[in-house]
Structures are given as C-alpha cells and as structure tokens.
Amino acid sequence: MFIQLDRVSKRYGEKVVISDVSLQIHQGECLVLMGDNGSGKTTLLRLLAGLIYPTEGEVLRKKNGGTKKTLNRKTGYAIDRLPVTNFTAMEYLLAMGLMQGLSKKEIQYQTDKWFELFGLIEDKNEQIASYSKGMRQKVNIMQSLLGDPELLLLDEPLSGLDRNSQRNLIQLLLEYKKTKTTLVCASHEPYIVSELADRVAEMQRGKLIRLLQPEEIVTIDTTLVRVTNLSEAEAKLLSTAEGIIELSIQSTQSKKEAEPELTIIMHSSHSDLLLAHILAQGGSIQSVTKEEK
C-alpha cells in the first residue's frame, strides 16, 4: 500500500494554504513534515486524514496489487492539541473506540497498556479538563492508536511530553513501524527525525520544497518562550511572523482570566526581534528557554 498526492492544492477563498503538492508515501515508512508555523503541515495532515478535501488534485491510496482508491479509512490522527472536555480519559477513549466499531474488551485491552506506558493509570478516571498539557497529549496519542490504524498521522506528537514520555512514545512508534504501519508526523523536533524518519519533507508557504534523508537535516537552534497577556487575535497575528516555528494556545482554567498562555517555539536567530515585538504588544514573558537538542 502506498499513498499518492497528485498535484494537490487547497484554498480557503483567495488564500492558498497548500500549493501543487505531489508526493508518494510508502507502506511502513515514516515521513516527517518539517517547516515553520503556517507552512502547510497541519493542512496536509488533515487532507491525508480525509477531514478536508483538495481544491485541486487528488489524495489516493493504493493497496499492493490492487487499484487506486480515495483514502478514507483505517487512519489514526492525533491533532495538534486535544480539546478540553469533561470526559474522563477512560470515558473519552471508550467513546472513540466504540465509534470505530471496537468492542469494550478490545478498547480496555489496548488502553490498559498505554495508561501504564505513559504513567496515567492513577489518573485515567479523572476529567481531562483537570489534566496538564502533557497528560492531554498522551490521551490524544492514545486515541489515535485505537484499532491499529494502517496510517497514523501525528501533529507535533512530542509537544508537552517530558523526556521519558518522549522516549516511550518513540519506542512505541518504532514497534508500530515494524508492523508496516505508515507514519506521517508534522514535527520540528530533531529527536523525531533522528529516531523515526525515513524521509523528511520540507514545507514552506504551502509548497513542498524538497525531500531529504534524515542525515541531511541541519539542526536549527530554537528558543521556547511562554507568554501571557496577549489576546487570541494578537496571538494569531504573531503566529505568522517570520521566525515562528510553532505557537500553541493554552487556555486558562479560570474564567476570570480572559487571556490565554502561549507557548512559542522560535528560531533563536529571530528571538530578540520577536521578544521585543511581544513586549511592545503588551505581552508578559514568563520564561525563555534555549531548547536542548
């Protein structure tokens, strides 16, 4: 089985998000999508997941020895962040599994292993709304693995995870690769590239610039910044600035606090200008950390 994107473009009105992308993804390989925020990585994942459709071109899957057909099933997808809900983790995973046609017994069997692997056994019956970002990310990944998908799509899978959880996830994904599961990950993390990638697709402004081998990737110094006191509108504008790799919004639990906390990963070479811009917009910088590679 392989997946083929044939001159795929996606527009929203006049805005072109993906432009003329042609690509083949082979069974059992891990393709890592790299590029700055707004380069089209998440949109490409959503196209592969069948959540949106191309404006032009086709996304096709071909079975070995079979014919091409539209990509439409056996796909797991971990989005960039799990929505905050009042479900417990176990309730959420049970609901997601039942929607896929899995039995309660199979869901229980699969999730018990993952709760233990990610250290969530004691918290599985707590509401997801009370979880930290890292805990929600673990549940997000777990739901994507339900039903042993043929194609697994992961949007910044290491985001929010501590180093031990990152290692456990990488090892788990390597096991899935051995079963010929196809992985497509949007990630800026060199750890994903070095441990999992067979190829790397570099995206820029909606275009596929080039395909690289993992050893061809040049490590880029990055800085992680946490910011408060910026509105969501200001955060959205900031996300398009040059030098921003990833920007995520963490809503506060208190309704009295109107402004979210932002976690921003930026190129270190742009950090001085971006930090000055944040301060000029009234943002409060909570921490600045040089990311370890």
Protein backbone atom coordinates (compact mmCIF):
# COMPACT_ATOMS: atom_id res chain seq x y z
CA MET A 1 0.00 0.00 0.00
CA PHE A 2 1.14 3.50 -0.72
CA ILE A 3 -0.44 6.93 -0.60
CA GLN A 4 -0.21 9.31 -3.52
CA LEU A 5 -0.82 13.03 -3.57
CA ASP A 6 -1.26 14.14 -7.16
CA ARG A 7 -0.83 17.91 -7.66
CA VAL A 8 -2.83 18.68 -4.52
CA SER A 9 -3.79 22.27 -3.71
CA LYS A 10 -6.05 23.65 -1.00
CA ARG A 11 -7.53 27.15 -0.91
CA TYR A 12 -9.84 28.94 1.50
CA GLY A 13 -11.32 31.73 -0.57
CA GLU A 14 -8.36 33.57 -2.07
CA LYS A 15 -5.88 32.17 0.48
CA VAL A 16 -3.73 29.32 -0.84
CA VAL A 17 -2.73 27.01 2.03
CA ILE A 18 -1.33 24.06 0.01
CA SER A 19 0.00 24.57 -3.49
CA ASP A 20 0.56 21.87 -6.13
CA VAL A 21 1.99 19.15 -3.86
CA SER A 22 2.84 15.79 -5.45
CA LEU A 23 4.17 13.08 -3.17
CA GLN A 24 4.20 9.32 -2.66
CA ILE A 25 4.24 7.82 0.84
CA HIS A 26 5.16 4.15 1.02
CA GLN A 27 3.81 1.49 3.36
CA GLY A 28 5.74 1.17 6.60
CA GLU A 29 7.78 4.33 6.21
CA CYS A 30 7.83 7.37 8.47
CA LEU A 31 7.63 10.67 6.65
CA VAL A 32 8.30 13.74 8.78
CA LEU A 33 6.88 17.09 7.66
CA MET A 34 9.08 20.00 8.68
CA GLY A 35 8.55 23.74 8.25
CA ASP A 36 7.71 26.88 10.16
CA ASN A 37 4.28 27.68 11.54
CA GLY A 38 1.92 28.34 8.61
CA SER A 39 3.94 26.26 6.13
CA GLY A 40 1.01 23.90 5.49
CA LYS A 41 1.97 20.87 7.61
CA THR A 42 -1.31 20.62 9.55
CA THR A 43 -3.40 21.20 6.44
CA LEU A 44 -1.55 18.40 4.68
CA LEU A 45 -2.27 16.06 7.61
CA ARG A 46 -5.95 17.00 7.52
CA LEU A 47 -6.04 16.22 3.79
CA LEU A 48 -4.47 12.81 4.44
CA ALA A 49 -6.99 12.19 7.23
CA GLY A 50 -9.90 12.96 4.91
CA LEU A 51 -11.17 15.74 7.18
CA ILE A 52 -10.91 18.21 4.31
CA TYR A 53 -10.72 17.75 0.55
CA PRO A 54 -8.36 19.23 -2.02
CA THR A 55 -9.44 22.23 -4.06
CA GLU A 56 -7.44 20.70 -6.89
CA GLY A 57 -5.71 17.35 -7.28
CA GLU A 58 -6.31 14.00 -5.57
CA VAL A 59 -5.26 12.13 -2.43
CA LEU A 60 -5.24 8.41 -3.23
CA ARG A 61 -4.38 5.13 -1.53
CA LYS A 62 -3.31 2.06 -3.42
CA LYS A 63 -3.31 -1.45 -1.99
CA ASN A 64 -0.45 -3.71 -3.03
CA GLY A 65 -1.60 -5.47 -6.15
CA GLY A 66 -4.85 -3.51 -6.14
CA THR A 67 -6.29 -0.39 -7.66
CA LYS A 68 -6.17 3.21 -6.53
CA LYS A 69 -8.98 4.47 -4.38
CA THR A 70 -9.76 7.50 -2.28
CA LEU A 71 -8.11 7.49 1.15
CA ASN A 72 -10.96 7.03 3.60
CA ARG A 73 -10.39 4.52 6.42
CA LYS A 74 -8.05 2.79 8.88
CA THR A 75 -6.47 6.12 9.73
CA GLY A 76 -5.46 7.33 13.19
CA TYR A 77 -4.96 11.05 13.74
CA ALA A 78 -3.52 12.88 16.75
CA ILE A 79 -4.38 16.55 16.23
CA ASP A 80 -2.14 19.38 17.42
CA ARG A 81 -3.93 19.57 20.78
CA LEU A 82 -6.73 17.63 22.41
CA PRO A 83 -9.83 19.71 23.22
CA VAL A 84 -10.55 20.17 26.92
CA THR A 85 -13.63 18.12 27.85
CA ASN A 86 -15.40 16.95 31.00
CA PHE A 87 -14.99 13.32 29.97
CA THR A 88 -12.55 11.25 31.94
CA ALA A 89 -9.70 9.82 29.88
CA MET A 90 -11.25 6.35 30.05
CA GLU A 91 -14.69 7.63 29.03
CA TYR A 92 -13.20 9.55 26.11
CA LEU A 93 -11.17 6.62 24.81
CA LEU A 94 -14.13 4.26 25.23
CA ALA A 95 -16.36 6.59 23.20
CA MET A 96 -13.73 6.99 20.46
CA GLY A 97 -13.19 3.24 20.26
CA LEU A 98 -16.90 2.40 20.13
CA MET A 99 -17.34 4.88 17.27
CA GLN A 100 -14.75 2.85 15.35
CA GLY A 101 -16.65 -0.37 15.98
CA LEU A 102 -14.25 -1.78 18.57
CA SER A 103 -15.57 -3.87 21.45
CA LYS A 104 -15.28 -2.67 25.05
CA LYS A 105 -12.98 -5.62 25.74
CA GLU A 106 -10.59 -4.63 22.93
CA ILE A 107 -10.60 -0.98 23.98
CA GLN A 108 -9.84 -1.98 27.57
CA TYR A 109 -7.01 -4.26 26.46
CA GLN A 110 -5.35 -1.60 24.32
CA THR A 111 -5.78 1.33 26.68
CA ASP A 112 -4.55 -0.55 29.78
CA LYS A 113 -1.15 -0.97 28.11
CA TRP A 114 -0.95 2.71 27.18
CA PHE A 115 -2.09 4.02 30.56
CA GLU A 116 0.74 2.03 32.11
CA LEU A 117 3.30 3.09 29.50
CA PHE A 118 2.50 6.80 29.92
CA GLY A 119 2.06 6.73 33.71
CA LEU A 120 -1.65 7.60 33.68
CA ILE A 121 -3.14 4.59 35.48
CA GLU A 122 -4.00 6.57 38.62
CA ASP A 123 -5.47 9.44 36.56
CA LYS A 124 -7.49 7.57 33.94
CA ASN A 125 -10.79 8.21 35.73
CA GLU A 126 -10.08 11.93 36.26
CA GLN A 127 -11.64 14.54 33.96
CA ILE A 128 -9.49 15.57 31.02
CA ALA A 129 -10.27 19.20 31.90
CA SER A 130 -8.09 18.77 35.01
CA TYR A 131 -5.14 17.37 33.02
CA SER A 132 -1.91 19.19 32.23
CA LYS A 133 -0.94 19.78 28.60
CA GLY A 134 1.37 16.76 28.65
CA MET A 135 -1.33 14.47 30.07
CA ARG A 136 -3.83 15.59 27.44
CA GLN A 137 -1.24 14.94 24.75
CA LYS A 138 -0.83 11.37 25.97
CA VAL A 139 -4.59 10.77 25.71
CA ASN A 140 -4.56 12.42 22.27
CA ILE A 141 -1.92 9.96 21.07
CA MET A 142 -3.72 7.01 22.66
CA GLN A 143 -6.96 7.74 20.79
CA SER A 144 -5.05 7.88 17.50
CA LEU A 145 -3.71 4.36 18.09
CA LEU A 146 -7.10 2.75 18.74
CA GLY A 147 -7.91 -0.02 16.25
CA ASP A 148 -4.33 -0.44 15.00
CA PRO A 149 -4.50 2.02 12.06
CA GLU A 150 -2.76 1.40 8.75
CA LEU A 151 -1.92 5.09 8.54
CA LEU A 152 -1.00 7.12 11.62
CA LEU A 153 -0.97 10.92 11.40
CA LEU A 154 0.69 12.84 14.25
CA ASP A 155 0.76 16.62 14.61
CA GLU A 156 3.69 17.63 16.88
CA PRO A 157 3.43 14.39 18.87
CA LEU A 158 6.21 15.26 21.36
CA SER A 159 4.67 18.60 22.32
CA GLY A 160 4.15 18.84 26.09
CA LEU A 161 5.76 15.47 26.84
CA ASP A 162 8.65 15.10 29.29
CA ARG A 163 11.80 13.40 28.03
CA ASN A 164 10.91 9.99 29.48
CA SER A 165 7.45 10.06 27.87
CA GLN A 166 9.06 11.12 24.58
CA ARG A 167 11.35 8.09 24.69
CA ASN A 168 8.43 5.78 25.49
CA LEU A 169 6.42 7.20 22.58
CA ILE A 170 9.32 6.86 20.13
CA GLN A 171 9.78 3.23 21.17
CA LEU A 172 6.04 2.58 20.77
CA LEU A 173 6.01 4.13 17.29
CA LEU A 174 9.03 2.03 16.27
CA GLU A 175 7.02 -1.05 17.22
CA TYR A 176 4.16 0.14 15.01
CA LYS A 177 6.60 0.67 12.13
CA LYS A 178 7.64 -2.98 12.43
CA THR A 179 4.02 -3.97 11.69
CA LYS A 180 4.15 -1.87 8.47
CA THR A 181 2.08 0.99 9.88
CA THR A 182 2.72 4.11 7.81
CA LEU A 183 3.57 7.20 9.87
CA VAL A 184 3.32 10.84 8.84
CA CYS A 185 4.46 13.27 11.54
CA ALA A 186 4.44 17.05 11.47
CA SER A 187 7.29 17.99 13.79
CA HIS A 188 10.12 20.44 14.32
CA GLU A 189 11.84 18.03 16.73
CA PRO A 190 15.25 16.63 15.67
CA TYR A 191 14.53 13.70 18.03
CA ILE A 192 11.65 12.57 15.81
CA VAL A 193 13.81 12.90 12.71
CA SER A 194 16.82 11.03 14.12
CA GLU A 195 14.85 8.15 15.68
CA LEU A 196 11.90 7.60 13.33
CA ALA A 197 12.18 9.32 9.96
CA ASP A 198 12.87 7.51 6.70
CA ARG A 199 12.38 10.74 4.75
CA VAL A 200 11.78 14.37 5.58
CA ALA A 201 9.51 16.66 3.54
CA GLU A 202 10.41 20.32 3.93
CA MET A 203 7.38 22.62 3.62
CA GLN A 204 7.44 26.36 3.03
CA ARG A 205 4.38 28.58 2.48
CA GLY A 206 2.24 25.65 1.36
CA LYS A 207 4.76 24.22 -1.07
CA LEU A 208 6.82 21.05 -0.86
CA ILE A 209 10.32 22.47 -1.23
CA ARG A 210 12.34 19.25 -1.13
CA LEU A 211 12.56 15.69 0.17
CA LEU A 212 15.54 14.89 2.35
CA GLN A 213 17.15 11.98 4.12
CA PRO A 214 17.27 12.38 7.92
CA GLU A 215 21.05 12.83 7.91
CA GLU A 216 20.69 15.81 5.58
CA ILE A 217 18.72 17.83 8.16
CA VAL A 218 20.70 20.71 9.63
CA THR A 219 19.85 21.27 13.30
CA ILE A 220 18.43 24.75 13.93
CA ASP A 221 18.85 26.45 17.29
CA THR A 222 15.43 27.14 18.78
CA THR A 223 14.10 29.00 21.80
CA LEU A 224 10.95 28.18 23.78
CA VAL A 225 9.05 31.16 25.18
CA ARG A 226 5.95 31.25 27.39
CA VAL A 227 3.85 34.41 27.18
CA THR A 228 0.71 35.77 28.82
CA ASN A 229 -1.39 38.92 28.37
CA LEU A 230 -1.78 38.61 24.62
CA SER A 231 -5.26 38.17 23.18
CA GLU A 232 -6.05 35.32 20.81
CA ALA A 233 -6.24 37.84 17.95
CA GLU A 234 -2.75 39.12 18.76
CA ALA A 235 -1.53 35.53 19.10
CA LYS A 236 -2.93 34.63 15.67
CA LEU A 237 -1.12 37.60 14.13
CA LEU A 238 2.11 36.68 15.92
CA SER A 239 1.89 33.10 14.62
CA THR A 240 2.51 34.34 11.06
CA ALA A 241 5.66 36.31 11.96
CA GLU A 242 8.97 35.28 10.43
CA GLY A 243 10.94 33.04 12.75
CA ILE A 244 7.96 31.37 14.47
CA ILE A 245 8.15 27.58 14.24
CA GLU A 246 5.22 26.64 16.47
CA LEU A 247 2.71 28.61 18.54
CA SER A 248 0.16 26.91 20.76
CA ILE A 249 -2.53 28.46 22.94
CA GLN A 250 -3.14 27.07 26.40
CA SER A 251 -6.49 28.31 27.73
CA THR A 252 -6.56 29.18 31.40
CA GLN A 253 -8.80 27.19 33.70
CA SER A 254 -10.13 30.28 35.46
CA LYS A 255 -12.93 32.07 33.65
CA LYS A 256 -11.80 35.28 35.30
CA GLU A 257 -8.61 35.19 33.25
CA ALA A 258 -9.52 36.28 29.71
CA GLU A 259 -6.08 35.93 28.16
CA PRO A 260 -4.52 32.53 27.31
CA GLU A 261 -0.96 31.42 27.90
CA LEU A 262 1.07 31.00 24.73
CA THR A 263 3.87 28.50 24.21
CA ILE A 264 6.06 29.66 21.35
CA ILE A 265 8.96 27.88 19.65
CA MET A 266 11.02 30.27 17.55
CA HIS A 267 14.31 30.33 15.67
CA SER A 268 16.92 31.61 18.12
CA SER A 269 18.27 33.92 15.42
CA HIS A 270 14.92 35.79 15.43
CA SER A 271 14.33 35.72 19.19
CA ASP A 272 15.50 39.26 20.02
CA LEU A 273 13.18 40.88 17.46
CA LEU A 274 10.24 38.61 18.36
CA LEU A 275 10.61 39.17 22.11
CA ALA A 276 10.75 42.92 21.55
CA HIS A 277 7.58 42.69 19.44
CA ILE A 278 5.78 40.69 22.15
CA LEU A 279 6.68 43.27 24.79
CA ALA A 280 5.61 46.13 22.53
CA GLN A 281 2.18 44.48 22.16
CA GLY A 282 1.80 44.35 25.95
CA GLY A 283 2.68 40.69 26.38
CA SER A 284 4.26 39.39 29.56
CA ILE A 285 7.15 36.97 29.04
CA GLN A 286 7.03 34.23 31.67
CA SER A 287 10.08 32.24 30.60
CA VAL A 288 12.68 31.98 27.84
CA THR A 289 14.47 28.64 27.42
CA LYS A 290 17.03 27.53 24.87
CA GLU A 291 15.80 24.16 23.66
CA GLU A 292 18.05 21.13 24.12
CA LYS A 293 18.92 19.15 21.02
